[in-house]
């Protein structure tokens, strides 16, 4: 089968013919149709996440159909359309798994990082971590739901019932969660790269109350700020925009160093927290939410062999919404 492979050294993926995977016990063999291109993939190929499997096939927003079932699989049938997200395996017995916080598992497996992912024609996955997908979305549209949507959902949940929500970094995750927040009756304040009027207008079209550059002050104090851009300098910026008792939620798996800041920015019972991965309960809940709220998915699609171009466009900020590889072209 064809696959785009990261060798652990060069950030440029190589298009190779590799052996077809075989479904083992408890696994699904999935014929991939689409795979989202996520900023986490950039962190892997750019060396910002240590210790990937080498070599590894990136990609963890995988949409495909089940073509074979391993021994012991339940809940899926050949021909089912499924999604495979970032969390691909947990140990099931560490203290975090034992208290329902499998996103913090001590020995997890991550799709496209420690487990071969979806920049390939076929992939195997632990069936327990795969998801049924809302029918109304095409394969390309559904792909960003599996990380951008899921992580955005978990990030918004950590903001509690915050009414005025600021979103820093208006990319794939933000364009989904902004619509969810708006439909929940929250006021959305969108912060983009300074001068990115196209992204600001996009945010306003999706229901944002206010949109401006990350160097601007919003029109109101925020109750919560969600940071999706991997820029540590945005933490004190967001803290300065959040009202007393508010929260800043860092939604990415990697962020540049957070600069020092005055304690006065944190005082007033403000909080700074991070989001780590997702749980299977998150996945099921968000897919139901996506089916009910029907957010608009903005995508730019690429052929599998153009994965390096998709990653470069994401790295350079040339995308609106989410990038998605079409695997079966």
Protein backbone atom coordinates (compact mmCIF):
# COMPACT_ATOMS: atom_id res chain seq x y z
CA UNK A 1 0.00 0.00 0.00
CA UNK A 2 1.03 3.64 -0.42
CA UNK A 3 1.94 5.65 2.66
CA UNK A 4 3.65 8.91 3.59
CA UNK A 5 6.36 8.04 6.12
CA UNK A 6 8.31 10.14 8.63
CA UNK A 7 11.79 8.64 9.08
CA UNK A 8 12.47 10.48 12.35
CA UNK A 9 15.01 12.84 10.82
CA UNK A 10 13.85 14.89 7.83
CA UNK A 11 10.63 16.90 8.22
CA UNK A 12 9.80 15.93 4.63
CA UNK A 13 7.73 12.76 4.46
CA UNK A 14 8.64 10.05 1.95
CA UNK A 15 6.01 8.37 -0.23
CA UNK A 16 6.68 4.63 0.02
CA UNK A 17 5.13 1.27 -0.72
CA UNK A 18 4.85 -0.52 2.62
CA UNK A 19 3.32 -3.89 3.58
CA UNK A 20 -0.41 -3.99 4.23
CA UNK A 21 -1.22 -4.13 7.96
CA UNK A 22 -3.16 -7.09 9.35
CA UNK A 23 -5.86 -6.82 12.00
CA UNK A 24 -4.79 -8.53 15.23
CA UNK A 25 -6.91 -9.50 18.20
CA UNK A 26 -9.37 -6.74 19.02
CA UNK A 27 -8.35 -4.65 16.02
CA UNK A 28 -10.08 -3.28 12.93
CA UNK A 29 -8.47 -3.13 9.51
CA UNK A 30 -9.64 0.15 8.00
CA UNK A 31 -9.50 1.24 4.36
CA UNK A 32 -8.72 4.93 4.82
CA UNK A 33 -10.62 7.50 2.74
CA UNK A 34 -9.53 10.74 4.40
CA UNK A 35 -7.14 11.91 7.12
CA UNK A 36 -6.95 15.36 8.65
CA UNK A 37 -3.65 17.22 8.79
CA UNK A 38 -3.30 18.43 12.37
CA UNK A 39 -0.84 20.80 14.01
CA UNK A 40 0.26 17.85 16.16
CA UNK A 41 1.51 16.22 12.94
CA UNK A 42 3.67 19.30 12.47
CA UNK A 43 5.00 18.99 16.02
CA UNK A 44 5.98 15.38 15.22
CA UNK A 45 7.78 16.05 11.93
CA UNK A 46 9.36 19.27 13.18
CA UNK A 47 10.88 17.45 16.16
CA UNK A 48 8.90 19.31 18.81
CA UNK A 49 7.45 16.08 20.25
CA UNK A 50 10.15 13.71 21.47
CA UNK A 51 10.37 9.98 20.88
CA UNK A 52 8.00 9.22 18.02
CA UNK A 53 7.97 5.70 16.65
CA UNK A 54 10.67 5.60 13.96
CA UNK A 55 9.74 5.32 11.19
CA UNK A 56 6.10 6.27 11.66
CA UNK A 57 3.14 6.97 9.41
CA UNK A 58 1.60 10.22 10.74
CA UNK A 59 -2.08 11.13 10.89
CA UNK A 60 -4.69 10.78 13.62
CA UNK A 61 -7.90 12.16 12.14
CA UNK A 62 -8.71 9.05 10.12
CA UNK A 63 -12.00 8.29 8.35
CA UNK A 64 -12.48 4.99 6.57
CA UNK A 65 -14.47 1.79 6.27
CA UNK A 66 -13.89 -1.46 8.10
CA UNK A 67 -12.53 -4.13 5.76
CA UNK A 68 -11.61 -6.85 8.29
CA UNK A 69 -12.25 -7.68 11.94
CA UNK A 70 -9.72 -9.12 14.36
CA UNK A 71 -10.66 -11.83 16.82
CA UNK A 72 -12.89 -10.61 19.63
CA UNK A 73 -14.11 -7.37 18.02
CA UNK A 74 -17.63 -6.32 18.99
CA UNK A 75 -19.70 -3.28 18.05
CA UNK A 76 -18.40 -3.01 14.48
CA UNK A 77 -19.10 -4.81 11.19
CA UNK A 78 -17.34 -4.98 7.86
CA UNK A 79 -18.41 -1.96 5.81
CA UNK A 80 -18.98 0.34 8.80
CA UNK A 81 -17.65 3.86 8.44
CA UNK A 82 -15.44 4.65 11.43
CA UNK A 83 -13.09 7.25 12.79
CA UNK A 84 -9.74 6.69 14.49
CA UNK A 85 -8.60 9.56 16.77
CA UNK A 86 -5.36 10.55 18.53
CA UNK A 87 -5.85 8.30 21.57
CA UNK A 88 -5.27 4.83 20.15
CA UNK A 89 -4.62 2.72 23.25
CA UNK A 90 -4.44 2.87 27.04
CA UNK A 91 -3.14 0.39 29.58
CA UNK A 92 -6.44 0.12 31.48
CA UNK A 93 -4.81 -0.49 34.86
CA UNK A 94 -2.73 2.54 35.92
CA UNK A 95 -4.15 4.87 38.57
CA UNK A 96 -5.46 7.30 35.93
CA UNK A 97 -7.27 4.63 33.92
CA UNK A 98 -8.66 3.33 37.21
CA UNK A 99 -10.37 6.63 38.03
CA UNK A 100 -11.80 7.30 34.57
CA UNK A 101 -9.02 9.66 33.41
CA UNK A 102 -7.60 7.52 30.63
CA UNK A 103 -6.45 10.66 28.81
CA UNK A 104 -3.67 10.78 31.43
CA UNK A 105 -2.71 7.08 31.10
CA UNK A 106 0.92 6.37 32.06
CA UNK A 107 1.56 4.14 29.02
CA UNK A 108 -0.75 5.29 26.23
CA UNK A 109 -0.56 4.73 22.48
CA UNK A 110 -1.09 7.68 20.16
CA UNK A 111 -2.19 7.36 16.56
CA UNK A 112 0.31 8.75 14.07
CA UNK A 113 2.96 9.14 16.79
CA UNK A 114 3.60 5.87 18.62
CA UNK A 115 1.15 3.90 16.43
CA UNK A 116 1.13 4.10 12.61
CA UNK A 117 -1.56 6.49 11.48
CA UNK A 118 -3.67 7.55 8.55
CA UNK A 119 -1.35 9.03 5.93
CA UNK A 120 -1.77 5.65 4.25
CA UNK A 121 -4.27 3.60 2.29
CA UNK A 122 -4.93 1.19 5.16
CA UNK A 123 -4.50 1.24 8.92
CA UNK A 124 -5.17 -1.05 11.88
CA UNK A 125 -6.72 0.27 15.06
CA UNK A 126 -7.79 -0.96 18.48
CA UNK A 127 -11.55 -1.24 17.99
CA UNK A 128 -12.24 -0.02 21.53
CA UNK A 129 -10.91 3.42 20.62
CA UNK A 130 -12.63 3.79 17.24
CA UNK A 131 -15.76 5.87 16.81
CA UNK A 132 -18.91 5.72 14.72
CA UNK A 133 -19.29 9.00 12.82
CA UNK A 134 -22.31 11.25 12.12
CA UNK A 135 -23.75 10.30 8.73
CA UNK A 136 -24.38 13.84 7.48
CA UNK A 137 -20.66 14.62 7.03
CA UNK A 138 -18.61 13.53 4.04
CA UNK A 139 -15.36 11.69 4.71
CA UNK A 140 -13.34 14.89 4.18
CA UNK A 141 -15.66 16.92 6.42
CA UNK A 142 -15.68 14.28 9.17
CA UNK A 143 -11.88 14.03 9.46
CA UNK A 144 -11.32 17.28 11.45
CA UNK A 145 -13.95 16.19 13.98
CA UNK A 146 -11.52 13.52 15.21
CA UNK A 147 -9.00 15.90 16.76
CA UNK A 148 -9.76 19.54 15.99
CA UNK A 149 -13.34 18.93 17.05
CA UNK A 150 -12.63 16.60 19.95
CA UNK A 151 -9.85 18.66 21.51
CA UNK A 152 -11.84 21.85 20.96
CA UNK A 153 -14.79 20.23 22.71
CA UNK A 154 -12.70 19.13 25.70
CA UNK A 155 -11.08 22.58 25.89
CA UNK A 156 -14.48 24.30 25.91
CA UNK A 157 -15.77 21.91 28.56
CA UNK A 158 -12.87 22.88 30.82
CA UNK A 159 -14.06 26.48 30.59
CA UNK A 160 -17.22 25.48 32.46
CA UNK A 161 -20.23 27.72 31.92
CA UNK A 162 -18.19 30.77 30.87
CA UNK A 163 -20.42 33.18 28.98
CA UNK A 164 -17.76 35.31 27.25
CA UNK A 165 -15.20 33.03 25.61
CA UNK A 166 -12.07 34.20 23.84
CA UNK A 167 -10.41 31.91 21.28
CA UNK A 168 -6.74 32.51 20.45
CA UNK A 169 -5.59 30.99 17.16
CA UNK A 170 -8.46 30.67 14.70
CA UNK A 171 -7.58 27.46 12.90
CA UNK A 172 -9.10 24.01 12.58
CA UNK A 173 -10.12 23.49 16.22
CA UNK A 174 -11.25 27.07 16.75
CA UNK A 175 -13.56 27.19 13.73
CA UNK A 176 -15.46 24.17 15.08
CA UNK A 177 -15.57 25.08 18.76
CA UNK A 178 -16.57 28.68 17.97
CA UNK A 179 -19.74 27.39 16.32
CA UNK A 180 -20.49 25.04 19.21
CA UNK A 181 -20.00 27.83 21.74
CA UNK A 182 -22.14 30.24 19.73
CA UNK A 183 -24.98 27.72 19.51
CA UNK A 184 -24.75 27.22 23.27
CA UNK A 185 -25.55 30.90 23.68
CA UNK A 186 -22.02 32.03 24.57
CA UNK A 187 -20.37 35.19 23.24
CA UNK A 188 -17.31 34.28 21.16
CA UNK A 189 -14.31 36.61 20.83
CA UNK A 190 -11.91 35.45 18.08
CA UNK A 191 -8.21 36.37 18.18
CA UNK A 192 -6.17 35.78 15.00
CA UNK A 193 -2.68 36.60 13.81
CA UNK A 194 -2.43 40.40 13.71
CA UNK A 195 -3.73 41.70 10.41
CA UNK A 196 -5.37 38.44 9.31
CA UNK A 197 -8.61 40.04 8.18
CA UNK A 198 -9.68 36.94 6.25
CA UNK A 199 -9.61 34.81 9.43
CA UNK A 200 -11.38 37.55 11.38
CA UNK A 201 -14.16 37.82 8.81
CA UNK A 202 -14.42 34.01 8.78
CA UNK A 203 -14.87 34.02 12.56
CA UNK A 204 -17.58 36.67 12.37
CA UNK A 205 -19.40 34.68 9.69
CA UNK A 206 -19.38 31.66 12.02
CA UNK A 207 -21.06 33.63 14.79
CA UNK A 208 -18.25 35.37 16.67
CA UNK A 209 -19.38 38.49 18.55
CA UNK A 210 -15.98 40.17 18.07
CA UNK A 211 -12.86 39.41 16.04
CA UNK A 212 -9.44 41.03 16.02
CA UNK A 213 -5.72 40.40 16.24
CA UNK A 214 -4.07 38.73 19.21
CA UNK A 215 -2.41 42.09 19.90
CA UNK A 216 -5.78 43.79 20.39
CA UNK A 217 -7.96 44.16 23.48
CA UNK A 218 -11.45 42.65 23.19
CA UNK A 219 -14.51 44.84 23.59
CA UNK A 220 -15.42 43.09 26.88
CA UNK A 221 -13.60 41.22 29.64
CA UNK A 222 -13.54 37.47 29.05
CA UNK A 223 -14.76 34.78 31.41
CA UNK A 224 -12.53 32.21 29.72
CA UNK A 225 -9.82 32.11 27.07
CA UNK A 226 -9.06 29.05 24.95
CA UNK A 227 -5.59 29.01 23.39
CA UNK A 228 -5.08 26.80 20.33
CA UNK A 229 -2.05 28.58 18.85
CA UNK A 230 1.18 26.94 20.15
CA UNK A 231 2.53 30.28 21.34
CA UNK A 232 3.41 30.53 25.03
CA UNK A 233 3.47 34.34 24.88
CA UNK A 234 -0.31 34.25 24.46
CA UNK A 235 -0.79 32.99 28.03
CA UNK A 236 -0.08 36.33 29.75
CA UNK A 237 -1.94 38.11 26.94
CA UNK A 238 -5.00 35.96 27.60
CA UNK A 239 -4.68 36.40 31.36
CA UNK A 240 -4.75 40.16 30.91
CA UNK A 241 -8.04 39.82 29.00
CA UNK A 242 -9.73 37.47 31.47
CA UNK A 243 -11.88 38.81 34.30
CA UNK A 244 -11.33 37.87 37.97
CA UNK A 245 -12.29 34.25 38.56
CA UNK A 246 -11.72 33.45 34.88
CA UNK A 247 -9.76 30.62 33.31
CA UNK A 248 -7.19 30.28 30.52
CA UNK A 249 -7.24 26.83 28.90
CA UNK A 250 -4.25 25.76 26.77
CA UNK A 251 -5.62 23.31 24.22
CA UNK A 252 -2.48 22.16 22.42
CA UNK A 253 -0.14 19.23 23.06
CA UNK A 254 2.90 21.48 22.53
CA UNK A 255 3.50 25.16 23.23
CA UNK A 256 6.56 27.38 23.16
CA UNK A 257 7.86 28.55 26.54
CA UNK A 258 5.54 30.76 28.56
CA UNK A 259 7.34 34.00 29.44
CA UNK A 260 7.42 35.30 33.00
CA UNK A 261 4.62 37.65 33.95
CA UNK A 262 3.52 39.71 36.90
CA UNK A 263 1.59 37.91 39.60
CA UNK A 264 -1.09 40.59 39.27
CA UNK A 265 -2.19 38.95 36.01
CA UNK A 266 -2.94 35.70 37.85
CA UNK A 267 -4.26 37.21 41.06
CA UNK A 268 -8.02 37.42 41.49
CA UNK A 269 -8.43 33.63 41.39
CA UNK A 270 -7.66 33.38 37.70
CA UNK A 271 -6.52 29.94 36.53
CA UNK A 272 -4.23 28.55 33.82
CA UNK A 273 -4.80 24.90 32.89
CA UNK A 274 -3.91 22.52 30.07
CA UNK A 275 -5.85 19.93 28.11
CA UNK A 276 -4.24 16.51 27.66
CA UNK A 277 -5.52 14.21 24.93
CA UNK A 278 -9.11 12.93 25.13
CA UNK A 279 -11.17 10.06 26.48
CA UNK A 280 -13.48 7.66 24.70
CA UNK A 281 -16.39 9.28 26.51
CA UNK A 282 -15.30 12.61 25.00
CA UNK A 283 -15.36 11.00 21.58
CA UNK A 284 -18.84 9.56 21.88
CA UNK A 285 -20.27 12.73 23.43
CA UNK A 286 -18.76 15.02 20.83
CA UNK A 287 -19.91 12.91 17.88
CA UNK A 288 -23.46 13.12 19.22
CA UNK A 289 -23.04 16.88 19.70
CA UNK A 290 -21.72 17.26 16.15
CA UNK A 291 -24.72 15.32 14.82
CA UNK A 292 -27.12 17.54 16.77
CA UNK A 293 -25.55 21.00 16.27
CA UNK A 294 -24.32 20.47 12.69
CA UNK A 295 -21.30 22.80 12.65
CA UNK A 296 -20.05 23.92 9.26
CA UNK A 297 -16.71 22.28 8.45
CA UNK A 298 -14.32 24.39 6.37
CA UNK A 299 -11.71 22.17 4.70
CA UNK A 300 -8.97 22.32 2.09
CA UNK A 301 -8.25 18.90 0.61
CA UNK A 302 -5.03 17.47 -0.80
CA UNK A 303 -4.04 14.21 -2.43
CA UNK A 304 -2.12 11.77 -0.21
CA UNK A 305 1.09 12.43 -2.16
CA UNK A 306 0.74 16.15 -1.41
CA UNK A 307 1.02 15.68 2.37
CA UNK A 308 4.22 17.74 2.54
CA UNK A 309 2.49 20.65 0.82
CA UNK A 310 -0.43 20.41 3.24
CA UNK A 311 1.96 20.45 6.22
CA UNK A 312 3.82 23.43 4.77
CA UNK A 313 0.58 25.36 4.24
CA UNK A 314 -0.39 24.67 7.84
CA UNK A 315 3.07 25.64 9.12
CA UNK A 316 2.98 28.94 7.23
CA UNK A 317 -0.59 29.86 8.16
CA UNK A 318 -1.94 29.65 4.62
CA UNK A 319 -5.09 27.72 5.57
CA UNK A 320 -8.59 28.70 6.61
CA UNK A 321 -10.20 25.89 8.57
CA UNK A 322 -8.71 22.39 8.32
CA UNK A 323 -6.44 20.58 5.86
CA UNK A 324 -7.46 17.03 4.89
CA UNK A 325 -5.73 14.36 2.80
CA UNK A 326 -7.91 12.45 0.31
CA UNK A 327 -6.48 8.95 0.62
CA UNK A 328 -8.42 7.10 -2.05
CA UNK A 329 -7.94 9.49 -5.00
